[in-house]
Amino acid sequence: MDSTFFRVVIAVSGLLLIAGLFLWEWLQKRALKKTEEVVREQRKQEFAGEEPLELERMNVEENSEELVLPSITASRATPETIETGEKLPPKETKPIPNVIQVSVIASNKEQFDGVKLLQVLEELGLALGEMGIYHRHFDPQNNDRFSAANLVEPGTFPSDREQPFSTPGIVLFLELSEQINPLIVFDELVLTANRLKEKLNGVLLNEKHQPLEEETLLDIRSLIATK
């Protein structure tokens, strides 16, 4: 086959291919335009009976305030800053007393059986010691301890643990300034008070002889931990 003829065939084929592509693209655009016109006409017919939306029908006032979304930091606002937008001074915290005390008293204004009381105290690791009261020691090398005194004056217990007696309750106490590890001693005092309450069916009172709340103990513990 002549090479010139071959080149002519290739050229003509290329031109035909290009012309075909242009024709196909034109037909596609024409079909798309026709479709859009049909859809537009259908929409006009569908909404022919409806009135255009107006601001008054949407209850939108011209002077309505712009909606302001809360910032990210708004979710972190404290109750003191939500209402006023200004940070109030921190609440004053009461100074922690040097002597922490928790009373365990008999319920319904009854009396604890003294012999049983002393038995429970010893089961919980306390022992009769100086000043005629019970102590719970943690380390013989230091003064880490809490104590238990009788609510009946003078606060002492009988030296004979088998001697019958009764009492409305006892008070557990510790002196913070005397402790090497005050937080450990405080936790043990609270644990012992709760066990006494359970074993003797007692009630916990604070230093003002009012019902002791768990929140109060948590506050005291927090103060000790940061001291």
Protein backbone atom coordinates (compact mmCIF):
# COMPACT_ATOMS: atom_id res chain seq x y z
CA MET A 1 0.00 0.00 0.00
CA ASP A 2 1.25 3.46 -0.95
CA SER A 3 2.53 5.35 2.07
CA THR A 4 0.98 8.61 0.90
CA PHE A 5 -2.46 7.00 0.66
CA PHE A 6 -1.96 5.53 4.09
CA ARG A 7 -1.15 8.96 5.56
CA VAL A 8 -4.24 10.44 3.86
CA VAL A 9 -6.46 7.73 5.37
CA ILE A 10 -5.02 8.39 8.83
CA ALA A 11 -5.54 12.14 8.46
CA VAL A 12 -9.11 11.77 7.22
CA SER A 13 -9.91 9.34 10.03
CA GLY A 14 -8.53 11.78 12.56
CA LEU A 15 -10.61 14.61 11.15
CA LEU A 16 -13.72 12.45 11.18
CA LEU A 17 -13.04 11.47 14.79
CA ILE A 18 -12.63 15.11 15.86
CA ALA A 19 -15.78 16.11 13.98
CA GLY A 20 -17.67 13.27 15.64
CA LEU A 21 -16.58 14.38 19.08
CA PHE A 22 -17.68 17.94 18.44
CA LEU A 23 -21.04 16.71 17.12
CA TRP A 24 -21.56 14.44 20.12
CA GLU A 25 -20.79 17.25 22.56
CA TRP A 26 -23.21 19.60 20.77
CA LEU A 27 -25.99 17.01 20.90
CA GLN A 28 -25.39 16.44 24.61
CA LYS A 29 -25.61 20.17 25.38
CA ARG A 30 -28.75 20.48 23.32
CA ALA A 31 -30.39 17.56 25.09
CA LEU A 32 -29.41 18.95 28.51
CA LYS A 33 -30.80 22.38 27.66
CA LYS A 34 -34.04 20.84 26.51
CA THR A 35 -34.33 18.85 29.71
CA GLU A 36 -33.76 21.96 31.84
CA GLU A 37 -36.48 23.80 29.94
CA VAL A 38 -38.92 20.94 30.52
CA VAL A 39 -38.13 20.81 34.27
CA ARG A 40 -38.42 24.58 34.57
CA GLU A 41 -41.80 24.53 32.87
CA GLN A 42 -43.03 21.76 35.18
CA ARG A 43 -41.96 23.72 38.27
CA LYS A 44 -43.79 26.81 37.04
CA GLN A 45 -46.94 24.74 36.68
CA GLU A 46 -46.56 23.13 40.12
CA PHE A 47 -46.08 26.45 41.96
CA ALA A 48 -48.39 28.50 39.74
CA GLY A 49 -51.08 28.68 42.47
CA GLU A 50 -48.76 29.61 45.35
CA GLU A 51 -47.73 33.07 46.46
CA PRO A 52 -44.09 33.93 46.94
CA LEU A 53 -42.81 33.76 50.50
CA GLU A 54 -42.59 37.09 52.29
CA LEU A 55 -40.82 38.13 55.48
CA GLU A 56 -44.13 38.94 57.17
CA ARG A 57 -45.47 35.43 56.49
CA MET A 58 -42.29 33.98 57.98
CA ASN A 59 -42.74 36.07 61.18
CA VAL A 60 -39.38 37.72 60.60
CA GLU A 61 -39.15 41.31 61.77
CA GLU A 62 -36.88 43.81 60.15
CA ASN A 63 -35.49 44.84 63.54
CA SER A 64 -35.01 41.33 64.86
CA GLU A 65 -31.75 40.79 66.71
CA GLU A 66 -29.02 38.74 65.15
CA LEU A 67 -28.68 35.25 66.60
CA VAL A 68 -25.42 34.93 68.50
CA LEU A 69 -24.11 31.45 69.12
CA PRO A 70 -22.24 30.73 72.36
CA SER A 71 -18.51 30.53 72.09
CA ILE A 72 -16.52 27.42 72.92
CA THR A 73 -15.53 28.88 76.28
CA ALA A 74 -19.14 29.45 77.23
CA SER A 75 -19.56 25.76 77.99
CA ARG A 76 -16.77 26.07 80.52
CA ALA A 77 -18.30 29.06 82.30
CA THR A 78 -18.80 28.69 86.03
CA PRO A 79 -22.13 29.49 87.74
CA GLU A 80 -20.55 32.71 89.01
CA THR A 81 -19.86 33.97 85.49
CA ILE A 82 -22.97 32.79 83.62
CA GLU A 83 -25.38 35.42 84.96
CA THR A 84 -23.15 38.48 85.27
CA GLY A 85 -20.44 37.72 82.75
CA GLU A 86 -17.92 38.72 85.40
CA LYS A 87 -15.84 36.41 87.52
CA LEU A 88 -16.74 36.70 91.17
CA PRO A 89 -14.08 36.48 93.86
CA PRO A 90 -13.50 32.93 95.12
CA LYS A 91 -15.45 31.82 98.14
CA GLU A 92 -13.61 32.06 101.39
CA THR A 93 -12.63 28.71 102.84
CA LYS A 94 -12.69 28.16 106.57
CA PRO A 95 -9.31 27.45 108.12
CA ILE A 96 -8.90 23.85 109.12
CA PRO A 97 -8.88 23.37 112.91
CA ASN A 98 -5.89 21.73 114.53
CA VAL A 99 -8.09 19.18 116.33
CA ILE A 100 -10.33 17.02 114.15
CA GLN A 101 -13.07 15.15 116.02
CA VAL A 102 -15.87 12.77 115.14
CA SER A 103 -18.33 11.56 117.76
CA VAL A 104 -20.05 8.18 117.66
CA ILE A 105 -23.16 8.15 119.84
CA ALA A 106 -25.88 5.59 120.54
CA SER A 107 -29.02 6.05 118.45
CA ASN A 108 -32.38 7.04 119.95
CA LYS A 109 -30.69 8.59 122.98
CA GLU A 110 -29.76 5.18 124.29
CA GLN A 111 -26.47 4.06 125.88
CA PHE A 112 -23.66 1.89 124.59
CA ASP A 113 -22.81 -1.16 126.63
CA GLY A 114 -19.32 -0.30 127.88
CA VAL A 115 -17.88 -3.80 127.80
CA LYS A 116 -19.01 -4.34 124.20
CA LEU A 117 -17.75 -0.88 123.24
CA LEU A 118 -14.25 -1.57 124.54
CA GLN A 119 -14.22 -4.94 122.83
CA VAL A 120 -15.05 -3.34 119.46
CA LEU A 121 -12.41 -0.62 119.99
CA GLU A 122 -9.74 -3.27 120.56
CA GLU A 123 -10.90 -5.25 117.53
CA LEU A 124 -10.35 -2.10 115.46
CA GLY A 125 -6.76 -1.73 116.66
CA LEU A 126 -7.12 0.72 119.55
CA ALA A 127 -5.59 0.12 122.97
CA LEU A 128 -5.99 1.69 126.39
CA GLY A 129 -3.08 4.02 127.07
CA GLU A 130 -2.02 7.29 128.57
CA MET A 131 -4.61 9.61 130.11
CA GLY A 132 -6.93 6.62 130.55
CA ILE A 133 -8.26 6.76 126.96
CA TYR A 134 -7.85 4.58 123.88
CA HIS A 135 -5.32 5.27 121.12
CA ARG A 136 -4.56 3.93 117.69
CA HIS A 137 -0.81 4.18 117.02
CA PHE A 138 0.67 3.91 113.52
CA ASP A 139 4.40 4.16 114.08
CA PRO A 140 6.20 3.78 117.43
CA GLN A 141 8.91 6.13 116.14
CA ASN A 142 6.58 9.14 115.88
CA ASN A 143 3.33 10.55 117.25
CA ASP A 144 1.07 9.47 114.39
CA ARG A 145 -2.12 8.42 116.15
CA PHE A 146 -5.74 9.22 116.85
CA SER A 147 -7.51 8.73 120.16
CA ALA A 148 -10.94 7.81 121.54
CA ALA A 149 -12.34 9.42 124.70
CA ASN A 150 -15.48 8.74 126.68
CA LEU A 151 -18.21 11.37 126.32
CA VAL A 152 -18.88 11.00 130.03
CA GLU A 153 -16.57 13.26 132.06
CA PRO A 154 -13.70 13.05 132.71
CA GLY A 155 -13.51 11.17 129.40
CA THR A 156 -11.62 8.14 130.67
CA PHE A 157 -12.45 4.44 130.47
CA PRO A 158 -12.27 1.83 133.26
CA SER A 159 -8.86 0.16 133.50
CA ASP A 160 -10.65 -3.15 134.00
CA ARG A 161 -12.20 -3.90 130.60
CA GLU A 162 -14.60 -6.36 132.25
CA GLN A 163 -16.05 -3.71 134.57
CA PRO A 164 -19.66 -2.96 133.56
CA PHE A 165 -20.44 0.59 132.52
CA SER A 166 -22.45 2.48 129.95
CA THR A 167 -21.93 5.64 127.94
CA PRO A 168 -23.93 7.70 125.43
CA GLY A 169 -20.93 7.63 123.09
CA ILE A 170 -17.29 8.35 122.41
CA VAL A 171 -15.34 10.98 120.51
CA LEU A 172 -12.50 10.14 118.12
CA PHE A 173 -9.97 12.93 117.68
CA LEU A 174 -6.53 13.75 116.30
CA GLU A 175 -4.21 16.74 116.49
CA LEU A 176 -2.97 17.66 113.03
CA SER A 177 0.13 19.44 114.30
CA GLU A 178 1.30 16.22 115.99
CA GLN A 179 1.09 14.05 112.86
CA ILE A 180 3.84 13.17 110.41
CA ASN A 181 1.27 11.71 107.99
CA PRO A 182 -1.98 13.51 108.90
CA LEU A 183 -3.90 12.34 105.82
CA ILE A 184 -3.29 8.67 106.62
CA VAL A 185 -4.32 9.16 110.24
CA PHE A 186 -7.45 11.09 109.24
CA ASP A 187 -8.52 8.39 106.78
CA GLU A 188 -8.10 5.72 109.48
CA LEU A 189 -10.07 7.79 111.98
CA VAL A 190 -12.99 8.14 109.54
CA LEU A 191 -12.85 4.44 108.69
CA THR A 192 -12.87 3.51 112.39
CA ALA A 193 -15.79 5.85 113.09
CA ASN A 194 -17.85 4.26 110.33
CA ARG A 195 -17.07 0.74 111.56
CA LEU A 196 -18.05 1.69 115.09
CA LYS A 197 -21.30 3.12 113.76
CA GLU A 198 -22.06 -0.14 111.94
CA LYS A 199 -21.03 -2.51 114.74
CA LEU A 200 -22.77 -0.57 117.53
CA ASN A 201 -25.71 0.83 115.53
CA GLY A 202 -24.55 4.34 116.29
CA VAL A 203 -24.76 7.82 114.75
CA LEU A 204 -21.89 10.10 113.63
CA LEU A 205 -21.82 13.70 114.84
CA ASN A 206 -19.49 16.61 114.13
CA GLU A 207 -17.70 18.80 116.67
CA LYS A 208 -20.94 20.78 117.20
CA HIS A 209 -22.84 17.56 117.95
CA GLN A 210 -24.77 17.82 114.70
CA PRO A 211 -25.20 15.00 112.15
CA LEU A 212 -21.94 14.55 110.27
CA GLU A 213 -22.27 14.70 106.49
CA GLU A 214 -20.01 12.91 104.03
CA GLU A 215 -19.39 16.20 102.21
CA THR A 216 -17.95 17.71 105.39
CA LEU A 217 -15.46 14.85 105.70
CA LEU A 218 -14.44 15.25 102.07
CA ASP A 219 -13.88 18.99 102.57
CA ILE A 220 -11.71 18.37 105.62
CA ARG A 221 -9.72 15.73 103.79
CA SER A 222 -9.14 18.10 100.87
CA LEU A 223 -7.84 20.79 103.24
CA ILE A 224 -5.49 18.33 104.93
CA ALA A 225 -4.18 17.11 101.58
CA THR A 226 -3.29 20.65 100.48
CA LYS A 227 -1.84 21.75 103.78
